[in-house]
Amino acid sequence: MWDNMFTMKLFYLLFTICSLGLGLAQNQKLIQTPNNSTYHRIQEEDLHRLWTEILQTHVSNDGIVNYKLLKKDPKKLQNYLSKLDVFYSSKTFQLLSKDGELAFWINAYNAFTVDLIIRHYPVKSIKEIKNPWKQRLWKLGGTFYNLKEIEHDILRKRNEPRIHFAIVCASYSCPKLLNEAYNAKNIELQLTNASKDFLTDQRRNNISKYSLKISKIFDWFAEDFKQKGSLINFLNAYSSIVISPTANISYQDYNWNLNE
């Protein structure tokens, strides 16, 4: 009898220890495994948080960039660029949603553009830099990228014309640099707001019912804005003014002066 009771207690003790060990292992796996969705989400948010901190320190609400201050203290930007490479090289990047990937590439493009400027600062225009869109300066996953590839081979192929209001060319006439990181959760609203802000900015676009004097961006990338109809159809989706289908269209001269 006593032997049976001892055996039962021993069995219960061993079962309890094994259960606790399994639970601990599962919790540890939840925290440490890169493929786990919780781990992945934290990593993505940390990356965006770092970029947002840089932007809010150096970029005004109007998109004016303090390149001079960035040039004096580039450590945070360089840290962010290195983390972009690490994140892109990890398995966690493969788990991103389509919106997550889009946000990653928009942020990367803008960070690379800012980095390009401070490498050559002081300059009055990005066009003072030799082949600014073709320089392979930034490594992601063992491959060096340039701005042209990211814009035309990655971002434009996503058939999302509003990216043209999110990526910047460090110039006065380009859309303003948003002083927060694009992120998967809010990117639809962020792109919509960026489109509306750009169209209503009279320094870049003058819109009335029958006359348009708009940014050359709409001319350079006309095919992107006509994927689901005419250019005016696209504009009417984001303009505060209803534009006539017969409105006259002309394009403003592009001001390439630095956005500082």
Protein backbone atom coordinates (compact mmCIF):
# COMPACT_ATOMS: atom_id res chain seq x y z
CA MET A 1 0.00 0.00 0.00
CA TRP A 2 2.71 2.42 1.01
CA ASP A 3 4.69 1.46 -2.10
CA ASN A 4 1.71 2.29 -4.30
CA MET A 5 1.20 5.66 -2.62
CA PHE A 6 4.90 6.50 -2.96
CA THR A 7 4.82 5.52 -6.64
CA MET A 8 1.75 7.68 -7.30
CA LYS A 9 3.30 10.70 -5.55
CA LEU A 10 6.54 10.26 -7.46
CA PHE A 11 4.62 10.01 -10.74
CA TYR A 12 2.65 13.17 -9.91
CA LEU A 13 5.85 15.05 -9.00
CA LEU A 14 7.56 14.06 -12.23
CA PHE A 15 4.46 15.02 -14.27
CA THR A 16 4.35 18.45 -12.60
CA ILE A 17 8.05 19.08 -13.27
CA CYS A 18 7.70 18.08 -16.93
CA SER A 19 4.64 20.30 -17.37
CA LEU A 20 6.39 23.30 -15.86
CA GLY A 21 9.44 22.68 -18.01
CA LEU A 22 7.36 22.44 -21.18
CA GLY A 23 5.52 25.66 -20.34
CA LEU A 24 8.78 27.47 -19.65
CA ALA A 25 10.25 26.24 -22.93
CA GLN A 26 7.19 27.42 -24.83
CA ASN A 27 7.33 30.84 -23.21
CA GLN A 28 11.02 31.10 -23.95
CA LYS A 29 10.36 30.17 -27.56
CA LEU A 30 7.69 32.85 -27.79
CA ILE A 31 10.19 35.48 -26.70
CA GLN A 32 13.29 34.33 -28.55
CA THR A 33 12.19 32.83 -31.86
CA PRO A 34 12.59 35.35 -34.71
CA ASN A 35 9.85 33.62 -36.73
CA ASN A 36 7.29 34.22 -33.98
CA SER A 37 4.78 36.91 -34.98
CA THR A 38 5.07 38.75 -31.65
CA TYR A 39 8.85 38.93 -31.88
CA HIS A 40 8.54 40.05 -35.50
CA ARG A 41 6.05 42.80 -34.70
CA ILE A 42 8.26 44.24 -31.95
CA GLN A 43 11.26 44.34 -34.30
CA GLU A 44 9.29 46.14 -36.98
CA GLU A 45 7.92 48.69 -34.53
CA ASP A 46 11.38 49.34 -33.09
CA LEU A 47 12.72 50.04 -36.57
CA HIS A 48 9.93 52.53 -37.30
CA ARG A 49 10.32 54.13 -33.88
CA LEU A 50 13.98 54.85 -34.53
CA TRP A 51 13.24 56.50 -37.90
CA THR A 52 10.42 58.54 -36.38
CA GLU A 53 12.75 59.85 -33.67
CA ILE A 54 15.21 61.03 -36.31
CA LEU A 55 12.48 62.65 -38.39
CA GLN A 56 10.82 64.47 -35.51
CA THR A 57 14.18 65.84 -34.40
CA HIS A 58 15.28 67.09 -37.82
CA VAL A 59 12.15 67.56 -39.97
CA SER A 60 9.45 70.20 -39.45
CA ASN A 61 5.73 69.64 -39.94
CA ASP A 62 6.13 71.35 -43.33
CA GLY A 63 8.80 68.87 -44.42
CA ILE A 64 11.77 71.23 -44.01
CA VAL A 65 14.90 69.23 -43.19
CA ASN A 66 17.71 70.39 -40.92
CA TYR A 67 20.56 68.82 -42.89
CA LYS A 68 23.11 70.97 -41.09
CA LEU A 69 22.26 69.44 -37.71
CA LEU A 70 22.14 65.94 -39.21
CA LYS A 71 25.59 66.48 -40.70
CA LYS A 72 26.97 67.44 -37.27
CA ASP A 73 25.53 64.39 -35.55
CA PRO A 74 24.82 61.55 -38.01
CA LYS A 75 25.11 58.69 -35.49
CA LYS A 76 21.40 57.98 -35.16
CA LEU A 77 20.91 58.02 -38.92
CA GLN A 78 23.85 55.68 -39.46
CA ASN A 79 22.50 53.40 -36.75
CA TYR A 80 19.12 53.34 -38.48
CA LEU A 81 20.69 52.55 -41.85
CA SER A 82 22.61 49.64 -40.34
CA LYS A 83 19.44 48.33 -38.70
CA LEU A 84 17.64 48.47 -42.05
CA ASP A 85 20.27 46.10 -43.41
CA VAL A 86 20.02 43.77 -40.42
CA PHE A 87 16.22 43.72 -40.56
CA TYR A 88 16.14 43.15 -44.33
CA SER A 89 18.67 40.32 -43.97
CA SER A 90 16.66 38.54 -41.29
CA LYS A 91 13.83 36.06 -41.64
CA THR A 92 11.52 38.58 -40.02
CA PHE A 93 11.50 40.65 -43.21
CA GLN A 94 9.99 37.70 -45.06
CA LEU A 95 7.04 37.75 -42.65
CA LEU A 96 6.05 41.33 -43.46
CA SER A 97 2.64 41.98 -44.97
CA LYS A 98 2.41 43.78 -48.31
CA ASP A 99 1.74 46.99 -46.42
CA GLY A 100 4.69 46.28 -44.17
CA GLU A 101 7.00 45.82 -47.15
CA LEU A 102 5.70 49.00 -48.77
CA ALA A 103 6.33 50.97 -45.57
CA PHE A 104 9.84 49.49 -45.30
CA TRP A 105 10.82 50.54 -48.82
CA ILE A 106 9.33 54.04 -48.53
CA ASN A 107 11.21 54.64 -45.29
CA ALA A 108 14.40 53.17 -46.72
CA TYR A 109 14.18 55.36 -49.83
CA ASN A 110 13.69 58.51 -47.79
CA ALA A 111 16.46 57.63 -45.33
CA PHE A 112 18.86 56.91 -48.19
CA THR A 113 17.98 60.25 -49.80
CA VAL A 114 18.68 62.11 -46.56
CA ASP A 115 21.94 60.20 -46.17
CA LEU A 116 22.96 61.07 -49.74
CA ILE A 117 22.47 64.77 -49.02
CA ILE A 118 24.45 64.83 -45.78
CA ARG A 119 27.30 62.92 -47.44
CA HIS A 120 27.70 65.91 -49.76
CA TYR A 121 26.37 68.73 -47.60
CA PRO A 122 26.51 71.66 -47.98
CA VAL A 123 24.87 71.54 -51.40
CA LYS A 124 22.13 73.74 -52.80
CA SER A 125 20.45 70.98 -54.77
CA ILE A 126 20.51 67.21 -55.08
CA LYS A 127 21.35 67.78 -58.75
CA GLU A 128 24.75 69.15 -57.76
CA ILE A 129 25.64 65.56 -56.80
CA LYS A 130 26.94 63.40 -59.62
CA ASN A 131 24.40 60.72 -60.62
CA PRO A 132 22.48 61.03 -57.34
CA TRP A 133 19.90 58.37 -58.21
CA LYS A 134 22.40 55.85 -59.56
CA GLN A 135 24.97 55.70 -56.76
CA ARG A 136 25.01 52.27 -55.09
CA LEU A 137 25.71 53.36 -51.54
CA TRP A 138 23.37 51.35 -49.33
CA LYS A 139 23.63 47.66 -48.57
CA LEU A 140 20.58 45.54 -47.88
CA GLY A 141 21.03 41.80 -47.55
CA GLY A 142 24.42 41.76 -49.21
CA THR A 143 23.30 43.82 -52.22
CA PHE A 144 24.06 47.49 -52.77
CA TYR A 145 21.04 49.50 -53.90
CA ASN A 146 20.57 52.90 -55.47
CA LEU A 147 17.55 55.21 -55.36
CA LYS A 148 16.61 54.56 -58.98
CA GLU A 149 16.24 50.81 -58.40
CA ILE A 150 14.13 51.24 -55.29
CA GLU A 151 11.81 53.74 -56.96
CA HIS A 152 11.36 52.09 -60.36
CA ASP A 153 12.05 48.39 -59.81
CA ILE A 154 10.45 48.00 -56.39
CA LEU A 155 8.04 50.76 -55.43
CA ARG A 156 6.47 51.59 -58.80
CA LYS A 157 5.91 47.92 -59.56
CA ARG A 158 3.49 47.76 -56.64
CA ASN A 159 0.99 49.74 -58.71
CA GLU A 160 0.43 52.25 -55.92
CA PRO A 161 0.63 55.75 -57.49
CA ARG A 162 0.44 57.47 -54.11
CA ILE A 163 4.04 56.45 -53.40
CA HIS A 164 4.99 59.52 -55.45
CA PHE A 165 3.69 61.68 -52.58
CA ALA A 166 5.55 59.66 -49.95
CA ILE A 167 9.08 59.37 -51.36
CA VAL A 168 11.11 62.56 -51.57
CA CYS A 169 13.92 63.94 -53.72
CA ALA A 170 15.18 66.44 -51.13
CA SER A 171 13.86 69.33 -53.23
CA TYR A 172 11.49 72.22 -52.70
CA SER A 173 8.99 71.04 -55.33
CA CYS A 174 8.89 67.44 -54.18
CA PRO A 175 6.27 66.29 -51.67
CA LYS A 176 7.12 67.10 -48.09
CA LEU A 177 9.03 64.55 -46.05
CA LEU A 178 6.60 63.18 -43.48
CA ASN A 179 8.12 63.52 -40.01
CA GLU A 180 7.02 60.08 -38.92
CA ALA A 181 7.80 56.65 -40.26
CA TYR A 182 5.37 54.95 -42.60
CA ASN A 183 4.06 51.76 -41.02
CA ALA A 184 1.83 48.85 -42.01
CA LYS A 185 -0.94 49.72 -39.56
CA ASN A 186 -1.42 53.31 -40.77
CA ILE A 187 -0.03 53.34 -44.29
CA GLU A 188 -3.39 53.60 -46.05
CA LEU A 189 -4.27 56.72 -44.06
CA GLN A 190 -0.72 58.07 -44.36
CA LEU A 191 -0.73 57.74 -48.16
CA THR A 192 -4.20 59.27 -48.43
CA ASN A 193 -3.18 62.24 -46.27
CA ALA A 194 0.07 62.68 -48.18
CA SER A 195 -1.88 62.78 -51.46
CA LYS A 196 -4.37 65.33 -50.16
CA ASP A 197 -1.64 67.49 -48.60
CA PHE A 198 0.34 67.56 -51.82
CA LEU A 199 -2.64 68.47 -53.99
CA THR A 200 -3.84 71.24 -51.70
CA ASP A 201 -0.35 72.77 -51.37
CA GLN A 202 -0.58 75.81 -53.64
CA ARG A 203 3.22 76.09 -53.78
CA ARG A 204 3.23 72.84 -55.74
CA ASN A 205 -0.23 72.63 -57.34
CA ASN A 206 -2.82 75.20 -58.39
CA ILE A 207 -6.20 73.58 -58.93
CA SER A 208 -9.54 75.00 -60.00
CA LYS A 209 -12.55 73.42 -61.67
CA TYR A 210 -11.47 74.19 -65.24
CA SER A 211 -7.74 74.90 -64.93
CA LEU A 212 -4.86 72.90 -63.51
CA LYS A 213 -1.26 74.01 -63.10
CA ILE A 214 0.18 71.02 -61.36
CA SER A 215 3.47 69.39 -60.43
CA LYS A 216 5.59 67.80 -63.13
CA ILE A 217 5.40 64.62 -61.08
CA PHE A 218 2.02 64.08 -62.76
CA ASP A 219 3.70 64.42 -66.15
CA TRP A 220 6.81 62.34 -65.44
CA PHE A 221 4.79 59.46 -64.03
CA ALA A 222 1.59 59.94 -66.00
CA GLU A 223 1.10 56.21 -66.63
CA ASP A 224 1.06 55.53 -62.89
CA PHE A 225 -1.83 57.93 -62.33
CA LYS A 226 -3.88 56.58 -65.24
CA GLN A 227 -4.05 52.94 -64.13
CA LYS A 228 -7.75 53.21 -63.23
CA GLY A 229 -8.85 55.98 -65.56
CA SER A 230 -7.71 59.48 -66.46
CA LEU A 231 -5.39 61.75 -64.52
CA ILE A 232 -8.38 63.91 -63.60
CA ASN A 233 -10.17 60.85 -62.21
CA PHE A 234 -7.21 60.28 -59.94
CA LEU A 235 -6.98 63.93 -58.89
CA ASN A 236 -10.68 64.09 -58.06
CA ALA A 237 -10.25 61.24 -55.59
CA TYR A 238 -8.02 63.45 -53.41
CA SER A 239 -8.72 67.06 -54.42
CA SER A 240 -10.94 69.29 -52.30
CA ILE A 241 -12.15 70.86 -55.57
CA VAL A 242 -14.20 68.88 -58.09
CA ILE A 243 -12.28 69.11 -61.36
CA SER A 244 -14.05 69.13 -64.71
CA PRO A 245 -13.12 66.31 -67.14
CA THR A 246 -12.41 69.05 -69.70
CA ALA A 247 -10.12 71.09 -67.45
CA ASN A 248 -6.99 72.54 -69.06
CA ILE A 249 -3.79 70.94 -67.73
CA SER A 250 -0.34 72.55 -67.57
CA TYR A 251 2.70 71.80 -65.44
CA GLN A 252 4.75 73.96 -63.11
CA ASP A 253 8.50 74.38 -63.35
CA TYR A 254 10.22 72.10 -60.88
CA ASN A 255 12.25 73.78 -58.15
CA TRP A 256 15.23 71.56 -57.35
CA ASN A 257 16.53 73.73 -54.49
CA LEU A 258 17.19 71.79 -51.32
CA ASN A 259 14.21 71.38 -48.98
CA GLU A 260 15.87 73.09 -46.01
